[in-house]
Amino acid sequence: MNISVELTLTPLHDNYEPAIIHFIKQLRASNLKVLENPLSTQVYGEYSEVMSVLTTEIKGAFELIENGLLHMKIVKTDRYDYEPHF
């Protein structure tokens, strides 16, 4: 089963950028399809593989920050090739 996941990592302190950049670079280094925009990062792939990578990388991201928030949405389909029809 393929899934699409939208992630927004929000460290709750000053100097937040290094933690976000590290998190995104770790996701890019995985074998998953990763897209970024200014507000979030999207990850696409097979459920077990995506969740395995996210479990590891979310833990690593949380270990780098004192306080933070991760907003995650999961869709049960691969929306990587989505094109608006308007």
PDB file of N, CA and C in Angstrom:
ATOM      1  N   MET A   1       0.846  -1.173   0.000  1.00  0.00           N
ATOM      2  CA  MET A   1       0.000   0.000   0.000  1.00  0.00           C
ATOM      3  C   MET A   1       0.889   1.233   0.000  1.00  0.00           C
ATOM      4  N   ASN A   2       0.623   2.160  -0.899  1.00  0.00           N
ATOM      5  CA  ASN A   2       1.374   3.405  -0.976  1.00  0.00           C
ATOM      6  C   ASN A   2       0.675   4.500  -0.189  1.00  0.00           C
ATOM      7  N   ILE A   3       1.490   5.403   0.363  1.00  0.00           N
ATOM      8  CA  ILE A   3       0.958   6.529   1.117  1.00  0.00           C
ATOM      9  C   ILE A   3       1.689   7.810   0.727  1.00  0.00           C
ATOM     10  N   SER A   4       1.053   8.916   1.057  1.00  0.00           N
ATOM     11  CA  SER A   4       1.634  10.247   0.933  1.00  0.00           C
ATOM     12  C   SER A   4       1.584  10.866   2.316  1.00  0.00           C
ATOM     13  N   VAL A   5       2.687  11.485   2.736  1.00  0.00           N
ATOM     14  CA  VAL A   5       2.747  12.084   4.068  1.00  0.00           C
ATOM     15  C   VAL A   5       3.220  13.521   3.933  1.00  0.00           C
ATOM     16  N   GLU A   6       2.501  14.429   4.575  1.00  0.00           N
ATOM     17  CA  GLU A   6       2.914  15.826   4.637  1.00  0.00           C
ATOM     18  C   GLU A   6       3.409  16.111   6.049  1.00  0.00           C
ATOM     19  N   LEU A   7       4.598  16.688   6.155  1.00  0.00           N
ATOM     20  CA  LEU A   7       5.231  16.944   7.448  1.00  0.00           C
ATOM     21  C   LEU A   7       5.591  18.422   7.584  1.00  0.00           C
ATOM     22  N   THR A   8       5.355  18.956   8.769  1.00  0.00           N
ATOM     23  CA  THR A   8       5.822  20.291   9.106  1.00  0.00           C
ATOM     24  C   THR A   8       6.474  20.200  10.480  1.00  0.00           C
ATOM     25  N   LEU A   9       7.799  20.369  10.515  1.00  0.00           N
ATOM     26  CA  LEU A   9       8.552  20.356  11.764  1.00  0.00           C
ATOM     27  C   LEU A   9       8.702  21.792  12.240  1.00  0.00           C
ATOM     28  N   THR A  10       8.336  22.039  13.499  1.00  0.00           N
ATOM     29  CA  THR A  10       8.401  23.372  14.066  1.00  0.00           C
ATOM     30  C   THR A  10       9.138  23.337  15.396  1.00  0.00           C
ATOM     31  N   PRO A  11      10.450  23.571  15.396  1.00  0.00           N
ATOM     32  CA  PRO A  11      11.160  23.696  16.668  1.00  0.00           C
ATOM     33  C   PRO A  11      10.667  24.957  17.389  1.00  0.00           C
ATOM     34  N   LEU A  12      10.426  24.850  18.682  1.00  0.00           N
ATOM     35  CA  LEU A  12       9.872  25.973  19.440  1.00  0.00           C
ATOM     36  C   LEU A  12      10.982  26.716  20.188  1.00  0.00           C
ATOM     37  N   HIS A  13      11.894  27.259  19.411  1.00  0.00           N
ATOM     38  CA  HIS A  13      12.977  28.060  19.983  1.00  0.00           C
ATOM     39  C   HIS A  13      13.626  28.873  18.868  1.00  0.00           C
ATOM     40  N   ASP A  14      14.465  29.842  19.257  1.00  0.00           N
ATOM     41  CA  ASP A  14      15.222  30.603  18.270  1.00  0.00           C
ATOM     42  C   ASP A  14      16.214  29.661  17.598  1.00  0.00           C
ATOM     43  N   ASN A  15      16.774  30.073  16.493  1.00  0.00           N
ATOM     44  CA  ASN A  15      17.735  29.264  15.752  1.00  0.00           C
ATOM     45  C   ASN A  15      17.148  27.895  15.382  1.00  0.00           C
ATOM     46  N   TYR A  16      15.981  27.932  14.804  1.00  0.00           N
ATOM     47  CA  TYR A  16      15.238  26.723  14.453  1.00  0.00           C
ATOM     48  C   TYR A  16      15.676  26.108  13.118  1.00  0.00           C
ATOM     49  N   GLU A  17      16.279  26.905  12.240  1.00  0.00           N
ATOM     50  CA  GLU A  17      16.578  26.437  10.896  1.00  0.00           C
ATOM     51  C   GLU A  17      17.502  25.218  10.828  1.00  0.00           C
ATOM     52  N   PRO A  18      18.589  25.137  11.614  1.00  0.00           N
ATOM     53  CA  PRO A  18      19.467  23.969  11.486  1.00  0.00           C
ATOM     54  C   PRO A  18      18.745  22.631  11.703  1.00  0.00           C
ATOM     55  N   ALA A  19      17.838  22.573  12.644  1.00  0.00           N
ATOM     56  CA  ALA A  19      17.114  21.323  12.908  1.00  0.00           C
ATOM     57  C   ALA A  19      16.212  20.956  11.733  1.00  0.00           C
ATOM     58  N   ILE A  20      15.558  21.947  11.147  1.00  0.00           N
ATOM     59  CA  ILE A  20      14.675  21.688  10.007  1.00  0.00           C
ATOM     60  C   ILE A  20      15.493  21.246   8.793  1.00  0.00           C
ATOM     61  N   ILE A  21      16.585  21.930   8.537  1.00  0.00           N
ATOM     62  CA  ILE A  21      17.446  21.576   7.403  1.00  0.00           C
ATOM     63  C   ILE A  21      17.990  20.156   7.567  1.00  0.00           C
ATOM     64  N   HIS A  22      18.428  19.822   8.760  1.00  0.00           N
ATOM     65  CA  HIS A  22      18.944  18.468   9.009  1.00  0.00           C
ATOM     66  C   HIS A  22      17.863  17.422   8.756  1.00  0.00           C
ATOM     67  N   PHE A  23      16.665  17.659   9.248  1.00  0.00           N
ATOM     68  CA  PHE A  23      15.544  16.734   9.065  1.00  0.00           C
ATOM     69  C   PHE A  23      15.265  16.515   7.574  1.00  0.00           C
ATOM     70  N   ILE A  24      15.193  17.593   6.810  1.00  0.00           N
ATOM     71  CA  ILE A  24      14.909  17.483   5.380  1.00  0.00           C
ATOM     72  C   ILE A  24      16.038  16.754   4.659  1.00  0.00           C
ATOM     73  N   LYS A  25      17.278  17.056   5.000  1.00  0.00           N
ATOM     74  CA  LYS A  25      18.406  16.376   4.356  1.00  0.00           C
ATOM     75  C   LYS A  25      18.398  14.875   4.650  1.00  0.00           C
ATOM     76  N   GLN A  26      18.014  14.495   5.851  1.00  0.00           N
ATOM     77  CA  GLN A  26      17.916  13.073   6.192  1.00  0.00           C
ATOM     78  C   GLN A  26      16.828  12.394   5.366  1.00  0.00           C
ATOM     79  N   LEU A  27      15.709  13.077   5.176  1.00  0.00           N
ATOM     80  CA  LEU A  27      14.634  12.508   4.353  1.00  0.00           C
ATOM     81  C   LEU A  27      15.084  12.390   2.902  1.00  0.00           C
ATOM     82  N   ARG A  28      15.789  13.400   2.408  1.00  0.00           N
ATOM     83  CA  ARG A  28      16.296  13.344   1.033  1.00  0.00           C
ATOM     84  C   ARG A  28      17.243  12.169   0.821  1.00  0.00           C
ATOM     85  N   ALA A  29      18.016  11.825   1.851  1.00  0.00           N
ATOM     86  CA  ALA A  29      19.002  10.748   1.752  1.00  0.00           C
ATOM     87  C   ALA A  29      18.366   9.359   1.749  1.00  0.00           C
ATOM     88  N   SER A  30      17.092   9.274   2.102  1.00  0.00           N
ATOM     89  CA  SER A  30      16.392   7.982   2.085  1.00  0.00           C
ATOM     90  C   SER A  30      16.069   7.616   0.641  1.00  0.00           C
ATOM     91  N   ASN A  31      15.510   6.438   0.432  1.00  0.00           N
ATOM     92  CA  ASN A  31      15.114   6.013  -0.913  1.00  0.00           C
ATOM     93  C   ASN A  31      13.698   6.461  -1.267  1.00  0.00           C
ATOM     94  N   LEU A  32      13.129   7.337  -0.455  1.00  0.00           N
ATOM     95  CA  LEU A  32      11.761   7.782  -0.663  1.00  0.00           C
ATOM     96  C   LEU A  32      11.709   8.960  -1.627  1.00  0.00           C
ATOM     97  N   LYS A  33      10.541   9.168  -2.223  1.00  0.00           N
ATOM     98  CA  LYS A  33      10.319  10.371  -3.026  1.00  0.00           C
ATOM     99  C   LYS A  33      10.006  11.492  -2.045  1.00  0.00           C
ATOM    100  N   VAL A  34      10.722  12.603  -2.152  1.00  0.00           N
ATOM    101  CA  VAL A  34      10.564  13.722  -1.227  1.00  0.00           C
ATOM    102  C   VAL A  34      10.401  15.002  -2.037  1.00  0.00           C
ATOM    103  N   LEU A  35       9.386  15.777  -1.712  1.00  0.00           N
ATOM    104  CA  LEU A  35       9.169  17.098  -2.298  1.00  0.00           C
ATOM    105  C   LEU A  35       9.078  18.109  -1.165  1.00  0.00           C
ATOM    106  N   GLU A  36       9.579  19.305  -1.414  1.00  0.00           N
ATOM    107  CA  GLU A  36       9.511  20.349  -0.394  1.00  0.00           C
ATOM    108  C   GLU A  36       8.866  21.602  -0.959  1.00  0.00           C
ATOM    109  N   ASN A  37       8.248  22.354  -0.087  1.00  0.00           N
ATOM    110  CA  ASN A  37       7.790  23.700  -0.409  1.00  0.00           C
ATOM    111  C   ASN A  37       8.056  24.552   0.835  1.00  0.00           C
ATOM    112  N   PRO A  38       7.795  25.840   0.804  1.00  0.00           N
ATOM    113  CA  PRO A  38       8.135  26.680   1.957  1.00  0.00           C
ATOM    114  C   PRO A  38       7.385  26.334   3.249  1.00  0.00           C
ATOM    115  N   LEU A  39       6.282  25.612   3.164  1.00  0.00           N
ATOM    116  CA  LEU A  39       5.475  25.337   4.348  1.00  0.00           C
ATOM    117  C   LEU A  39       5.556  23.913   4.859  1.00  0.00           C
ATOM    118  N   SER A  40       5.970  22.970   4.010  1.00  0.00           N
ATOM    119  CA  SER A  40       5.986  21.578   4.453  1.00  0.00           C
ATOM    120  C   SER A  40       6.870  20.734   3.542  1.00  0.00           C
ATOM    121  N   THR A  41       7.043  19.492   3.951  1.00  0.00           N
ATOM    122  CA  THR A  41       7.779  18.498   3.169  1.00  0.00           C
ATOM    123  C   THR A  41       6.853  17.314   2.957  1.00  0.00           C
ATOM    124  N   GLN A  42       6.807  16.815   1.736  1.00  0.00           N
ATOM    125  CA  GLN A  42       5.972  15.663   1.421  1.00  0.00           C
ATOM    126  C   GLN A  42       6.863  14.462   1.128  1.00  0.00           C
ATOM    127  N   VAL A  43       6.447  13.309   1.639  1.00  0.00           N
ATOM    128  CA  VAL A  43       7.173  12.057   1.455  1.00  0.00           C
ATOM    129  C   VAL A  43       6.197  11.038   0.879  1.00  0.00           C
ATOM    130  N   TYR A  44       6.659  10.277  -0.116  1.00  0.00           N
ATOM    131  CA  TYR A  44       5.794   9.339  -0.821  1.00  0.00           C
ATOM    132  C   TYR A  44       6.474   7.978  -0.909  1.00  0.00           C
ATOM    133  N   GLY A  45       5.677   6.923  -0.784  1.00  0.00           N
ATOM    134  CA  GLY A  45       6.232   5.589  -0.948  1.00  0.00           C
ATOM    135  C   GLY A  45       5.364   4.523  -0.322  1.00  0.00           C
ATOM    136  N   GLU A  46       5.944   3.339  -0.211  1.00  0.00           N
ATOM    137  CA  GLU A  46       5.257   2.188   0.372  1.00  0.00           C
ATOM    138  C   GLU A  46       5.142   2.379   1.882  1.00  0.00           C
ATOM    139  N   TYR A  47       3.986   2.070   2.430  1.00  0.00           N
ATOM    140  CA  TYR A  47       3.668   2.353   3.833  1.00  0.00           C
ATOM    141  C   TYR A  47       4.770   1.933   4.807  1.00  0.00           C
ATOM    142  N   SER A  48       5.177   0.680   4.753  1.00  0.00           N
ATOM    143  CA  SER A  48       6.154   0.178   5.720  1.00  0.00           C
ATOM    144  C   SER A  48       7.480   0.912   5.617  1.00  0.00           C
ATOM    145  N   GLU A  49       7.916   1.176   4.401  1.00  0.00           N
ATOM    146  CA  GLU A  49       9.184   1.878   4.200  1.00  0.00           C
ATOM    147  C   GLU A  49       9.102   3.327   4.679  1.00  0.00           C
ATOM    148  N   VAL A  50       8.026   4.014   4.316  1.00  0.00           N
ATOM    149  CA  VAL A  50       7.854   5.409   4.739  1.00  0.00           C
ATOM    150  C   VAL A  50       7.805   5.504   6.259  1.00  0.00           C
ATOM    151  N   MET A  51       7.010   4.667   6.886  1.00  0.00           N
ATOM    152  CA  MET A  51       6.864   4.755   8.340  1.00  0.00           C
ATOM    153  C   MET A  51       8.152   4.377   9.061  1.00  0.00           C
ATOM    154  N   SER A  52       8.909   3.443   8.514  1.00  0.00           N
ATOM    155  CA  SER A  52      10.191   3.075   9.105  1.00  0.00           C
ATOM    156  C   SER A  52      11.168   4.256   9.067  1.00  0.00           C
ATOM    157  N   VAL A  53      11.265   4.887   7.902  1.00  0.00           N
ATOM    158  CA  VAL A  53      12.146   6.056   7.770  1.00  0.00           C
ATOM    159  C   VAL A  53      11.673   7.177   8.685  1.00  0.00           C
ATOM    160  N   LEU A  54      10.372   7.449   8.695  1.00  0.00           N
ATOM    161  CA  LEU A  54       9.857   8.546   9.524  1.00  0.00           C
ATOM    162  C   LEU A  54      10.076   8.284  11.010  1.00  0.00           C
ATOM    163  N   THR A  55       9.899   7.061  11.454  1.00  0.00           N
ATOM    164  CA  THR A  55      10.129   6.738  12.866  1.00  0.00           C
ATOM    165  C   THR A  55      11.559   7.101  13.259  1.00  0.00           C
ATOM    166  N   THR A  56      12.505   6.710  12.447  1.00  0.00           N
ATOM    167  CA  THR A  56      13.913   6.990  12.730  1.00  0.00           C
ATOM    168  C   THR A  56      14.207   8.481  12.661  1.00  0.00           C
ATOM    169  N   GLU A  57      13.759   9.140  11.598  1.00  0.00           N
ATOM    170  CA  GLU A  57      14.122  10.542  11.382  1.00  0.00           C
ATOM    171  C   GLU A  57      13.378  11.507  12.297  1.00  0.00           C
ATOM    172  N   ILE A  58      12.148  11.188  12.659  1.00  0.00           N
ATOM    173  CA  ILE A  58      11.432  12.039  13.621  1.00  0.00           C
ATOM    174  C   ILE A  58      12.113  11.958  14.976  1.00  0.00           C
ATOM    175  N   LYS A  59      12.494  10.767  15.398  1.00  0.00           N
ATOM    176  CA  LYS A  59      13.205  10.623  16.666  1.00  0.00           C
ATOM    177  C   LYS A  59      14.505  11.425  16.640  1.00  0.00           C
ATOM    178  N   GLY A  60      15.259  11.305  15.543  1.00  0.00           N
ATOM    179  CA  GLY A  60      16.503  12.063  15.417  1.00  0.00           C
ATOM    180  C   GLY A  60      16.276  13.562  15.447  1.00  0.00           C
ATOM    181  N   ALA A  61      15.220  14.031  14.794  1.00  0.00           N
ATOM    182  CA  ALA A  61      14.910  15.466  14.788  1.00  0.00           C
ATOM    183  C   ALA A  61      14.542  15.946  16.191  1.00  0.00           C
ATOM    184  N   PHE A  62      13.753  15.157  16.905  1.00  0.00           N
ATOM    185  CA  PHE A  62      13.360  15.541  18.261  1.00  0.00           C
ATOM    186  C   PHE A  62      14.552  15.547  19.211  1.00  0.00           C
ATOM    187  N   GLU A  63      15.526  14.689  18.968  1.00  0.00           N
ATOM    188  CA  GLU A  63      16.717  14.678  19.816  1.00  0.00           C
ATOM    189  C   GLU A  63      17.574  15.926  19.620  1.00  0.00           C
ATOM    190  N   LEU A  64      17.424  16.601  18.469  1.00  0.00           N
ATOM    191  CA  LEU A  64      18.204  17.807  18.183  1.00  0.00           C
ATOM    192  C   LEU A  64      17.572  19.093  18.716  1.00  0.00           C
ATOM    193  N   ILE A  65      16.316  19.005  19.133  1.00  0.00           N
ATOM    194  CA  ILE A  65      15.626  20.215  19.601  1.00  0.00           C
ATOM    195  C   ILE A  65      15.162  20.024  21.040  1.00  0.00           C
ATOM    196  N   GLU A  66      15.068  21.142  21.756  1.00  0.00           N
ATOM    197  CA  GLU A  66      14.611  21.061  23.140  1.00  0.00           C
ATOM    198  C   GLU A  66      13.096  20.894  23.205  1.00  0.00           C
ATOM    199  N   ASN A  67      12.382  21.709  22.444  1.00  0.00           N
ATOM    200  CA  ASN A  67      10.922  21.641  22.367  1.00  0.00           C
ATOM    201  C   ASN A  67      10.523  21.806  20.910  1.00  0.00           C
ATOM    202  N   GLY A  68       9.475  21.106  20.516  1.00  0.00           N
ATOM    203  CA  GLY A  68       9.056  21.237  19.134  1.00  0.00           C
ATOM    204  C   GLY A  68       7.739  20.560  18.860  1.00  0.00           C
ATOM    205  N   LEU A  69       7.280  20.765  17.659  1.00  0.00           N
ATOM    206  CA  LEU A  69       5.997  20.255  17.198  1.00  0.00           C
ATOM    207  C   LEU A  69       6.202  19.654  15.811  1.00  0.00           C
ATOM    208  N   LEU A  70       5.599  18.516  15.554  1.00  0.00           N
ATOM    209  CA  LEU A  70       5.600  17.932  14.217  1.00  0.00           C
ATOM    210  C   LEU A  70       4.153  17.702  13.814  1.00  0.00           C
ATOM    211  N   HIS A  71       3.759  18.361  12.758  1.00  0.00           N
ATOM    212  CA  HIS A  71       2.410  18.204  12.220  1.00  0.00           C
ATOM    213  C   HIS A  71       2.520  17.226  11.049  1.00  0.00           C
ATOM    214  N   MET A  72       1.709  16.153  11.057  1.00  0.00           N
ATOM    215  CA  MET A  72       1.808  15.130  10.026  1.00  0.00           C
ATOM    216  C   MET A  72       0.415  14.754   9.528  1.00  0.00           C
ATOM    217  N   LYS A  73       0.284  14.711   8.204  1.00  0.00           N
ATOM    218  CA  LYS A  73      -0.938  14.225   7.568  1.00  0.00           C
ATOM    219  C   LYS A  73      -0.563  13.040   6.693  1.00  0.00           C
ATOM    220  N   ILE A  74      -1.367  11.992   6.759  1.00  0.00           N
ATOM    221  CA  ILE A  74      -1.115  10.791   5.964  1.00  0.00           C
ATOM    222  C   ILE A  74      -2.326  10.528   5.072  1.00  0.00           C
ATOM    223  N   VAL A  75      -2.067  10.305   3.793  1.00  0.00           N
ATOM    224  CA  VAL A  75      -3.111   9.982   2.832  1.00  0.00           C
ATOM    225  C   VAL A  75      -2.836   8.582   2.295  1.00  0.00           C
ATOM    226  N   LYS A  76      -3.852   7.762   2.230  1.00  0.00           N
ATOM    227  CA  LYS A  76      -3.685   6.384   1.756  1.00  0.00           C
ATOM    228  C   LYS A  76      -3.742   6.333   0.230  1.00  0.00           C
ATOM    229  N   THR A  77      -2.742   6.906  -0.385  1.00  0.00           N
ATOM    230  CA  THR A  77      -2.519   6.838  -1.824  1.00  0.00           C
ATOM    231  C   THR A  77      -1.236   7.588  -2.128  1.00  0.00           C
ATOM    232  N   ASP A  78      -0.633   7.302  -3.249  1.00  0.00           N
ATOM    233  CA  ASP A  78       0.574   8.012  -3.653  1.00  0.00           C
ATOM    234  C   ASP A  78       0.164   9.194  -4.515  1.00  0.00           C
ATOM    235  N   ARG A  79       0.273  10.394  -3.978  1.00  0.00           N
ATOM    236  CA  ARG A  79      -0.133  11.616  -4.677  1.00  0.00           C
ATOM    237  C   ARG A  79       1.062  12.338  -5.307  1.00  0.00           C
ATOM    238  N   TYR A  80       2.185  11.658  -5.471  1.00  0.00           N
ATOM    239  CA  TYR A  80       3.407  12.276  -5.971  1.00  0.00           C
ATOM    240  C   TYR A  80       3.207  12.947  -7.327  1.00  0.00           C
ATOM    241  N   ASP A  81       2.445  12.334  -8.193  1.00  0.00           N
ATOM    242  CA  ASP A  81       2.254  12.856  -9.550  1.00  0.00           C
ATOM    243  C   ASP A  81       1.015  13.749  -9.673  1.00  0.00           C
ATOM    244  N   TYR A  82       0.491  14.222  -8.571  1.00  0.00           N
ATOM    245  CA  TYR A  82      -0.725  15.039  -8.595  1.00  0.00           C
ATOM    246  C   TYR A  82      -0.533  16.302  -9.432  1.00  0.00           C
ATOM    247  N   GLU A  83      -1.465  16.569 -10.298  1.00  0.00           N
ATOM    248  CA  GLU A  83      -1.494  17.788 -11.109  1.00  0.00           C
ATOM    249  C   GLU A  83      -2.878  18.410 -10.924  1.00  0.00           C
ATOM    250  N   PRO A  84      -2.945  19.689 -10.565  1.00  0.00           N
ATOM    251  CA  PRO A  84      -4.254  20.327 -10.464  1.00  0.00           C
ATOM    252  C   PRO A  84      -4.969  20.331 -11.816  1.00  0.00           C
ATOM    253  N   HIS A  85      -6.277  20.203 -11.780  1.00  0.00           N
ATOM    254  CA  HIS A  85      -7.069  20.155 -13.010  1.00  0.00           C
ATOM    255  C   HIS A  85      -7.755  21.469 -13.295  1.00  0.00           C
ATOM    256  N   PHE A  86      -7.227  22.546 -12.752  1.00  0.00           N
ATOM    257  CA  PHE A  86      -7.842  23.871 -12.989  1.00  0.00           C
ATOM    258  C   PHE A  86      -6.778  24.898 -13.267  1.00  0.00           C
TER     259      PHE A  86
END
